[in-house]
Amino acid sequence: MSNYPNMSYCMCNNTVLALRQILDTMQDEGPMFLREMSRDERRSYEALFSLCEDFLTASEELQEQLEYEERDGQPDEAQEWESFDPDC
């Protein structure tokens, strides 16, 4: 993680602020936002678009995993004891 610009404890907050800046600028400038980008900035913009798609997919999968674990109720080890019959 040494190449990342944010510490893990504040990465979501900082990224929200950065994305808000981008969205506000897009809304303020309209199509000029894209027209005025350098080639490198345009590549980063396209990479950001792709990362946002990946983020949405990963977020949905993570949320589904969390819901499954919460519905299931217990870690695997506890589930083994749940079906344990002491009279065996």
N, C-alpha and C. Protein backbone atom coordinates (compact mmCIF):
# COMPACT_ATOMS: atom_id res chain seq x y z
N MET A 1 0.81 -1.20 0.00
CA MET A 1 0.00 0.00 0.00
C MET A 1 0.86 1.27 0.00
N SER A 2 2.12 1.16 -0.19
CA SER A 2 3.00 2.32 -0.10
C SER A 2 2.76 3.34 -1.21
N ASN A 3 2.14 2.97 -2.32
CA ASN A 3 1.90 3.91 -3.40
C ASN A 3 0.55 4.61 -3.28
N TYR A 4 -0.21 4.33 -2.25
CA TYR A 4 -1.52 4.92 -2.10
C TYR A 4 -1.42 6.27 -1.38
N PRO A 5 -2.23 7.25 -1.81
CA PRO A 5 -2.12 8.59 -1.24
C PRO A 5 -2.81 8.77 0.11
N ASN A 6 -3.63 7.81 0.54
CA ASN A 6 -4.39 7.97 1.77
C ASN A 6 -4.06 6.88 2.78
N MET A 7 -4.16 7.23 4.04
CA MET A 7 -4.06 6.24 5.11
C MET A 7 -5.38 5.46 5.12
N SER A 8 -5.34 4.20 5.52
CA SER A 8 -6.53 3.36 5.44
C SER A 8 -7.68 3.89 6.29
N TYR A 9 -7.38 4.55 7.40
CA TYR A 9 -8.44 5.02 8.28
C TYR A 9 -9.20 6.22 7.72
N CYS A 10 -8.69 6.86 6.67
CA CYS A 10 -9.38 8.03 6.11
C CYS A 10 -9.53 7.97 4.59
N MET A 11 -9.27 6.81 4.00
CA MET A 11 -9.29 6.72 2.54
C MET A 11 -10.68 6.95 1.95
N CYS A 12 -11.72 6.45 2.59
CA CYS A 12 -13.07 6.65 2.04
C CYS A 12 -13.47 8.13 2.15
N ASN A 13 -13.20 8.72 3.28
CA ASN A 13 -13.55 10.13 3.47
C ASN A 13 -12.81 11.01 2.46
N ASN A 14 -11.52 10.80 2.31
CA ASN A 14 -10.74 11.61 1.37
C ASN A 14 -11.18 11.39 -0.07
N THR A 15 -11.52 10.15 -0.41
CA THR A 15 -11.94 9.84 -1.77
C THR A 15 -13.30 10.46 -2.06
N VAL A 16 -14.20 10.46 -1.08
CA VAL A 16 -15.50 11.12 -1.26
C VAL A 16 -15.28 12.60 -1.55
N LEU A 17 -14.40 13.23 -0.82
CA LEU A 17 -14.12 14.66 -1.05
C LEU A 17 -13.56 14.89 -2.45
N ALA A 18 -12.65 14.01 -2.88
CA ALA A 18 -12.06 14.15 -4.21
C ALA A 18 -13.10 13.92 -5.31
N LEU A 19 -13.93 12.91 -5.14
CA LEU A 19 -14.97 12.65 -6.14
C LEU A 19 -15.99 13.78 -6.18
N ARG A 20 -16.31 14.34 -5.00
CA ARG A 20 -17.23 15.47 -4.96
C ARG A 20 -16.65 16.65 -5.73
N GLN A 21 -15.35 16.88 -5.60
CA GLN A 21 -14.69 17.96 -6.35
C GLN A 21 -14.82 17.73 -7.85
N ILE A 22 -14.60 16.50 -8.28
CA ILE A 22 -14.71 16.17 -9.70
C ILE A 22 -16.14 16.37 -10.18
N LEU A 23 -17.11 15.84 -9.44
CA LEU A 23 -18.51 15.98 -9.85
C LEU A 23 -18.96 17.44 -9.90
N ASP A 24 -18.57 18.21 -8.90
CA ASP A 24 -18.92 19.62 -8.89
C ASP A 24 -18.34 20.34 -10.11
N THR A 25 -17.09 20.04 -10.42
CA THR A 25 -16.44 20.66 -11.57
C THR A 25 -17.10 20.22 -12.87
N MET A 26 -17.46 18.95 -12.98
CA MET A 26 -18.16 18.46 -14.18
C MET A 26 -19.48 19.22 -14.36
N GLN A 27 -20.22 19.40 -13.28
CA GLN A 27 -21.50 20.09 -13.36
C GLN A 27 -21.33 21.58 -13.67
N ASP A 28 -20.31 22.18 -13.10
CA ASP A 28 -20.06 23.61 -13.34
C ASP A 28 -19.60 23.88 -14.77
N GLU A 29 -18.70 23.03 -15.28
CA GLU A 29 -18.07 23.30 -16.57
C GLU A 29 -18.78 22.65 -17.75
N GLY A 30 -19.58 21.64 -17.50
CA GLY A 30 -20.25 20.95 -18.61
C GLY A 30 -19.23 20.29 -19.54
N PRO A 31 -19.52 20.28 -20.85
CA PRO A 31 -18.62 19.62 -21.81
C PRO A 31 -17.19 20.19 -21.83
N MET A 32 -17.05 21.43 -21.41
CA MET A 32 -15.71 22.04 -21.37
C MET A 32 -14.79 21.27 -20.43
N PHE A 33 -15.38 20.62 -19.44
CA PHE A 33 -14.60 19.80 -18.51
C PHE A 33 -13.76 18.79 -19.27
N LEU A 34 -14.36 18.11 -20.23
CA LEU A 34 -13.63 17.11 -21.02
C LEU A 34 -12.74 17.76 -22.07
N ARG A 35 -13.21 18.83 -22.69
CA ARG A 35 -12.44 19.48 -23.75
C ARG A 35 -11.10 20.02 -23.26
N GLU A 36 -11.06 20.49 -22.04
CA GLU A 36 -9.85 21.15 -21.53
C GLU A 36 -8.85 20.20 -20.87
N MET A 37 -9.16 18.92 -20.84
CA MET A 37 -8.26 17.96 -20.19
C MET A 37 -7.02 17.68 -21.04
N SER A 38 -5.91 17.53 -20.37
CA SER A 38 -4.70 17.07 -21.05
C SER A 38 -4.88 15.60 -21.40
N ARG A 39 -4.02 15.09 -22.22
CA ARG A 39 -4.08 13.67 -22.60
C ARG A 39 -3.94 12.77 -21.37
N ASP A 40 -2.99 13.11 -20.50
CA ASP A 40 -2.79 12.31 -19.28
C ASP A 40 -4.01 12.38 -18.35
N GLU A 41 -4.57 13.57 -18.22
CA GLU A 41 -5.74 13.73 -17.36
C GLU A 41 -6.94 12.97 -17.94
N ARG A 42 -7.06 12.96 -19.25
CA ARG A 42 -8.16 12.23 -19.90
C ARG A 42 -8.01 10.72 -19.65
N ARG A 43 -6.77 10.21 -19.73
CA ARG A 43 -6.54 8.80 -19.42
C ARG A 43 -6.91 8.48 -17.97
N SER A 44 -6.55 9.38 -17.08
CA SER A 44 -6.91 9.19 -15.66
C SER A 44 -8.41 9.25 -15.47
N TYR A 45 -9.07 10.13 -16.19
CA TYR A 45 -10.53 10.23 -16.13
C TYR A 45 -11.17 8.91 -16.58
N GLU A 46 -10.68 8.35 -17.65
CA GLU A 46 -11.21 7.08 -18.15
C GLU A 46 -10.90 5.93 -17.19
N ALA A 47 -9.72 5.95 -16.58
CA ALA A 47 -9.38 4.94 -15.57
C ALA A 47 -10.29 5.08 -14.35
N LEU A 48 -10.58 6.31 -13.96
CA LEU A 48 -11.48 6.56 -12.84
C LEU A 48 -12.87 6.01 -13.15
N PHE A 49 -13.34 6.23 -14.35
CA PHE A 49 -14.65 5.70 -14.76
C PHE A 49 -14.67 4.18 -14.61
N SER A 50 -13.62 3.53 -15.09
CA SER A 50 -13.53 2.07 -14.99
C SER A 50 -13.45 1.61 -13.54
N LEU A 51 -12.67 2.32 -12.73
CA LEU A 51 -12.56 1.98 -11.31
C LEU A 51 -13.90 2.15 -10.59
N CYS A 52 -14.65 3.16 -10.97
CA CYS A 52 -15.98 3.35 -10.35
C CYS A 52 -16.89 2.17 -10.67
N GLU A 53 -16.82 1.68 -11.89
CA GLU A 53 -17.61 0.49 -12.24
C GLU A 53 -17.16 -0.71 -11.40
N ASP A 54 -15.84 -0.90 -11.30
CA ASP A 54 -15.30 -1.99 -10.48
C ASP A 54 -15.71 -1.84 -9.01
N PHE A 55 -15.69 -0.60 -8.53
CA PHE A 55 -16.07 -0.33 -7.15
C PHE A 55 -17.53 -0.72 -6.91
N LEU A 56 -18.40 -0.36 -7.83
CA LEU A 56 -19.82 -0.71 -7.68
C LEU A 56 -20.01 -2.22 -7.64
N THR A 57 -19.34 -2.94 -8.52
CA THR A 57 -19.44 -4.40 -8.54
C THR A 57 -18.91 -5.00 -7.24
N ALA A 58 -17.72 -4.58 -6.84
CA ALA A 58 -17.12 -5.11 -5.61
C ALA A 58 -17.95 -4.75 -4.39
N SER A 59 -18.53 -3.56 -4.36
CA SER A 59 -19.36 -3.13 -3.24
C SER A 59 -20.61 -3.99 -3.12
N GLU A 60 -21.23 -4.27 -4.25
CA GLU A 60 -22.42 -5.13 -4.24
C GLU A 60 -22.07 -6.53 -3.73
N GLU A 61 -20.96 -7.08 -4.20
CA GLU A 61 -20.54 -8.41 -3.76
C GLU A 61 -20.22 -8.42 -2.26
N LEU A 62 -19.54 -7.40 -1.80
CA LEU A 62 -19.19 -7.30 -0.39
C LEU A 62 -20.44 -7.18 0.48
N GLN A 63 -21.38 -6.37 0.03
CA GLN A 63 -22.64 -6.20 0.76
C GLN A 63 -23.40 -7.53 0.84
N GLU A 64 -23.42 -8.27 -0.27
CA GLU A 64 -24.08 -9.58 -0.28
C GLU A 64 -23.41 -10.54 0.69
N GLN A 65 -22.09 -10.53 0.74
CA GLN A 65 -21.35 -11.39 1.67
C GLN A 65 -21.68 -11.02 3.11
N LEU A 66 -21.71 -9.72 3.40
CA LEU A 66 -22.02 -9.26 4.74
C LEU A 66 -23.44 -9.68 5.14
N GLU A 67 -24.38 -9.48 4.24
CA GLU A 67 -25.77 -9.86 4.53
C GLU A 67 -25.89 -11.36 4.76
N TYR A 68 -25.17 -12.15 3.97
CA TYR A 68 -25.19 -13.60 4.15
C TYR A 68 -24.66 -13.98 5.52
N GLU A 69 -23.53 -13.38 5.90
CA GLU A 69 -22.93 -13.68 7.21
C GLU A 69 -23.85 -13.24 8.35
N GLU A 70 -24.49 -12.10 8.19
CA GLU A 70 -25.39 -11.63 9.24
C GLU A 70 -26.64 -12.49 9.33
N ARG A 71 -27.13 -12.94 8.20
CA ARG A 71 -28.31 -13.81 8.17
C ARG A 71 -27.98 -15.16 8.77
N ASP A 72 -26.79 -15.64 8.42
CA ASP A 72 -26.30 -16.92 8.91
C ASP A 72 -26.11 -16.86 10.42
N GLY A 73 -25.70 -15.70 10.88
CA GLY A 73 -25.68 -15.45 12.30
C GLY A 73 -24.41 -15.75 13.05
N GLN A 74 -23.64 -16.72 12.64
CA GLN A 74 -22.49 -17.11 13.45
C GLN A 74 -21.33 -17.51 12.55
N PRO A 75 -20.12 -17.37 13.08
CA PRO A 75 -18.97 -17.87 12.33
C PRO A 75 -19.04 -19.39 12.22
N ASP A 76 -18.31 -19.96 11.29
CA ASP A 76 -18.35 -21.40 11.02
C ASP A 76 -18.13 -22.24 12.27
N GLU A 77 -17.19 -21.87 13.10
CA GLU A 77 -16.88 -22.65 14.29
C GLU A 77 -18.10 -22.74 15.22
N ALA A 78 -18.82 -21.63 15.39
CA ALA A 78 -19.99 -21.62 16.25
C ALA A 78 -21.11 -22.47 15.66
N GLN A 79 -21.19 -22.50 14.33
CA GLN A 79 -22.23 -23.31 13.69
C GLN A 79 -22.00 -24.79 13.95
N GLU A 80 -20.76 -25.21 14.01
CA GLU A 80 -20.46 -26.61 14.28
C GLU A 80 -21.00 -27.00 15.66
N TRP A 81 -20.84 -26.14 16.65
CA TRP A 81 -21.32 -26.42 18.00
C TRP A 81 -22.83 -26.35 18.08
N GLU A 82 -23.45 -25.58 17.19
CA GLU A 82 -24.89 -25.44 17.21
C GLU A 82 -25.58 -26.80 16.95
N SER A 83 -25.00 -27.60 16.06
CA SER A 83 -25.59 -28.89 15.74
C SER A 83 -25.03 -30.02 16.61
N PHE A 84 -24.17 -29.68 17.57
CA PHE A 84 -23.57 -30.68 18.44
C PHE A 84 -24.61 -31.31 19.38
N ASP A 85 -24.63 -32.61 19.42
CA ASP A 85 -25.56 -33.31 20.30
C ASP A 85 -24.76 -33.91 21.45
N PRO A 86 -24.88 -33.36 22.66
CA PRO A 86 -24.09 -33.85 23.79
C PRO A 86 -24.48 -35.26 24.23
N ASP A 87 -25.62 -35.75 23.76
CA ASP A 87 -26.07 -37.10 24.16
C ASP A 87 -25.51 -38.19 23.26
N CYS A 88 -24.68 -37.86 22.32
CA CYS A 88 -24.09 -38.87 21.42
C CYS A 88 -23.17 -39.80 22.17
